[in-house]
Amino acid sequence: MENVATQAEKHQERWGEIASDPTLDGLPYKVETNARGQIILSPHKNRHSDLQSALFQLLQQYAPEGHISVEYALATPQGVKAPDVVWMSRERRDKMRATGDPSTLAPEVCVEVISTSNTETEMQRKRALYRDIGAEEVWIIDEDGAIRFFADEEIERSAIAPECPSSAPSPDGG
């Protein structure tokens, strides 16, 4: 049986093929792959994008020493996934770059914003995948902006950004 790294490397290779396909440039969707390397396209609602921005800002405020990015492609044993927001230290970013593009090593923090098309089972699987490739924490944000923090199991606060509130500010200022 293949190990996690070998499986992720196969998806990394498939992602290279997808990324070089000019017909896929500029799609207005989040692009990921499944365990068979098939492309999955997920359209965004504006609320989803607003929550991504709010999380980006929270990480800037409460974990300022790292690098923050959105929809950062990660090669996992079950396909390429793109967490909505990620945070990584400089040291981790260097290690991630050394694994290729997409990285087979996850940032310290991977954030997923739940959309109406997501299920709890899907979020559990993504949390496990991110943890399997090295994420220290996975944050899940529901459509109301409530943030749940996970390491091995759900935790009350982030260890990486302990002062971060458990809810994202409302994008409409309310």
Protein backbone atom coordinates (compact mmCIF):
# COMPACT_ATOMS: atom_id res chain seq x y z
CA MET A 1 0.00 0.00 0.00
CA GLU A 2 1.25 3.48 -0.87
CA ASN A 3 2.17 5.82 1.93
CA VAL A 4 0.66 9.27 2.46
CA ALA A 5 3.60 11.07 0.82
CA THR A 6 3.51 8.91 -2.32
CA GLN A 7 -0.25 9.39 -2.69
CA ALA A 8 0.12 13.15 -2.25
CA GLU A 9 2.95 13.27 -4.80
CA LYS A 10 0.69 11.60 -7.40
CA HIS A 11 -1.89 14.30 -6.82
CA GLN A 12 0.85 16.92 -7.01
CA GLU A 13 1.77 15.62 -10.47
CA ARG A 14 -1.87 15.61 -11.61
CA TRP A 15 -2.24 19.18 -10.33
CA GLY A 16 0.68 20.23 -12.53
CA GLU A 17 -1.26 18.96 -15.55
CA ILE A 18 -4.39 20.82 -14.48
CA ALA A 19 -2.55 24.05 -13.70
CA SER A 20 -0.93 24.07 -17.15
CA ASP A 21 -4.26 23.65 -18.99
CA PRO A 22 -5.02 27.07 -20.55
CA THR A 23 -8.76 26.30 -20.82
CA LEU A 24 -8.98 26.37 -17.02
CA ASP A 25 -7.39 29.82 -16.58
CA GLY A 26 -9.57 32.41 -14.89
CA LEU A 27 -12.38 30.16 -13.74
CA PRO A 28 -14.51 31.92 -11.12
CA TYR A 29 -14.50 28.84 -8.90
CA LYS A 30 -12.50 27.22 -6.15
CA VAL A 31 -10.68 24.37 -7.91
CA GLU A 32 -9.74 21.14 -6.13
CA THR A 33 -9.41 17.48 -7.08
CA ASN A 34 -10.81 14.33 -5.57
CA ALA A 35 -9.01 11.09 -4.73
CA ARG A 36 -9.16 10.01 -8.39
CA GLY A 37 -7.65 13.27 -9.66
CA GLN A 38 -10.93 14.54 -11.08
CA ILE A 39 -11.50 18.30 -11.01
CA ILE A 40 -14.04 19.66 -8.53
CA LEU A 41 -15.31 23.21 -9.10
CA SER A 42 -17.07 25.06 -6.30
CA PRO A 43 -18.72 28.42 -7.00
CA HIS A 44 -18.48 31.03 -4.25
CA LYS A 45 -21.19 33.21 -2.86
CA ASN A 46 -20.22 36.70 -1.81
CA ARG A 47 -20.80 35.87 1.87
CA HIS A 48 -18.17 33.13 1.56
CA SER A 49 -15.64 35.59 0.12
CA ASP A 50 -16.49 38.12 2.83
CA LEU A 51 -15.78 35.52 5.51
CA GLN A 52 -12.47 34.62 3.84
CA SER A 53 -11.49 38.29 4.01
CA ALA A 54 -12.56 38.55 7.65
CA LEU A 55 -10.45 35.51 8.55
CA PHE A 56 -7.48 36.90 6.64
CA GLN A 57 -7.78 40.11 8.69
CA LEU A 58 -8.12 38.21 11.98
CA LEU A 59 -4.95 36.26 11.23
CA GLN A 60 -3.14 39.50 10.34
CA GLN A 61 -4.15 40.93 13.69
CA TYR A 62 -3.70 37.90 15.97
CA ALA A 63 -0.87 36.00 14.23
CA PRO A 64 1.08 38.81 12.55
CA GLU A 65 4.45 37.08 12.25
CA GLY A 66 3.40 34.61 9.59
CA HIS A 67 2.39 34.54 5.94
CA ILE A 68 -1.33 34.43 5.11
CA SER A 69 -2.77 33.29 1.81
CA VAL A 70 -6.15 32.33 0.37
CA GLU A 71 -7.10 29.15 -1.49
CA TYR A 72 -3.60 27.73 -1.13
CA ALA A 73 -3.31 24.43 -3.02
CA LEU A 74 -2.17 21.43 -0.96
CA ALA A 75 -1.51 17.95 -2.34
CA THR A 76 -3.11 15.44 0.02
CA PRO A 77 -3.47 11.66 -0.26
CA GLN A 78 -7.08 12.28 -1.35
CA GLY A 79 -6.49 14.93 -4.01
CA VAL A 80 -5.52 18.58 -4.11
CA LYS A 81 -7.44 20.68 -1.63
CA ALA A 82 -7.39 24.46 -1.29
CA PRO A 83 -8.22 25.71 2.21
CA ASP A 84 -10.00 29.05 2.11
CA VAL A 85 -7.31 30.76 4.19
CA VAL A 86 -3.95 29.52 5.52
CA TRP A 87 -1.35 30.85 7.94
CA MET A 88 2.25 29.67 7.97
CA SER A 89 5.43 30.68 9.72
CA ARG A 90 8.43 31.68 7.62
CA GLU A 91 10.15 28.42 8.54
CA ARG A 92 7.15 26.34 7.48
CA ARG A 93 6.78 28.30 4.25
CA ASP A 94 10.39 27.45 3.32
CA LYS A 95 9.78 23.76 4.08
CA MET A 96 6.54 23.81 2.09
CA ARG A 97 8.21 25.35 -0.95
CA ALA A 98 10.81 22.57 -0.87
CA THR A 99 8.04 19.94 -1.26
CA GLY A 100 6.87 21.33 -4.60
CA ASP A 101 3.81 23.08 -5.92
CA PRO A 102 1.26 22.28 -4.66
CA SER A 103 2.90 21.58 -1.34
CA THR A 104 2.67 18.14 0.23
CA LEU A 105 3.18 19.80 3.63
CA ALA A 106 0.35 21.85 5.12
CA PRO A 107 0.69 25.29 6.73
CA GLU A 108 0.36 25.40 10.50
CA VAL A 109 -3.22 26.73 10.19
CA CYS A 110 -5.75 25.74 7.53
CA VAL A 111 -9.12 27.49 7.54
CA GLU A 112 -12.28 26.27 5.84
CA VAL A 113 -15.39 28.44 5.48
CA ILE A 114 -18.45 26.22 5.36
CA SER A 115 -20.77 26.86 2.46
CA THR A 116 -24.27 25.53 1.91
CA SER A 117 -22.85 22.74 -0.25
CA ASN A 118 -20.53 21.42 2.51
CA THR A 119 -21.46 18.62 4.90
CA GLU A 120 -20.13 17.94 8.38
CA THR A 121 -18.64 14.67 7.07
CA GLU A 122 -16.78 16.55 4.33
CA MET A 123 -15.38 19.01 6.88
CA GLN A 124 -14.26 16.12 9.11
CA ARG A 125 -12.46 14.54 6.14
CA LYS A 126 -10.74 17.81 5.21
CA ARG A 127 -9.67 18.38 8.82
CA ALA A 128 -8.15 14.90 8.89
CA LEU A 129 -6.41 15.41 5.53
CA TYR A 130 -4.86 18.72 6.58
CA ARG A 131 -3.73 17.23 9.88
CA ASP A 132 -2.29 14.17 8.07
CA ILE A 133 -0.02 16.43 6.01
CA GLY A 134 1.14 18.53 8.94
CA ALA A 135 -1.44 21.18 9.84
CA GLU A 136 -1.25 21.97 13.53
CA GLU A 137 -4.71 23.51 13.60
CA VAL A 138 -7.77 23.54 11.37
CA TRP A 139 -10.35 26.27 11.82
CA ILE A 140 -13.91 25.81 10.59
CA ILE A 141 -16.10 28.89 10.13
CA ASP A 142 -19.84 28.57 9.71
CA GLU A 143 -22.00 30.88 7.62
CA ASP A 144 -22.74 33.04 10.68
CA GLY A 145 -19.01 33.60 11.27
CA ALA A 146 -18.64 31.31 14.32
CA ILE A 147 -15.12 29.84 14.41
CA ARG A 148 -14.37 26.35 15.72
CA PHE A 149 -10.73 25.46 16.37
CA PHE A 150 -9.36 21.92 15.98
CA ALA A 151 -6.04 20.24 16.71
CA ASP A 152 -6.28 16.51 17.50
CA GLU A 153 -9.82 17.34 18.60
CA GLU A 154 -11.86 20.50 19.06
CA ILE A 155 -10.11 23.07 21.25
CA GLU A 156 -11.48 26.19 22.91
CA ARG A 157 -8.82 28.56 21.55
CA SER A 158 -6.11 28.52 18.94
CA ALA A 159 -2.64 27.80 20.33
CA ILE A 160 -1.12 29.73 17.41
CA ALA A 161 -3.38 32.79 17.78
CA PRO A 162 -4.75 32.45 21.33
CA GLU A 163 -6.26 35.95 21.39
CA CYS A 164 -8.26 35.37 18.20
CA PRO A 165 -11.99 35.61 18.92
CA SER A 166 -14.29 32.68 18.25
CA SER A 167 -16.30 34.63 15.70
CA ALA A 168 -15.42 36.60 12.60
CA PRO A 169 -16.57 40.20 12.40
CA SER A 170 -19.68 40.70 10.32
CA PRO A 171 -18.75 41.83 6.80
CA ASP A 172 -21.70 44.22 6.78
CA GLY A 173 -20.45 45.94 9.94
CA GLY A 174 -23.36 44.67 12.00
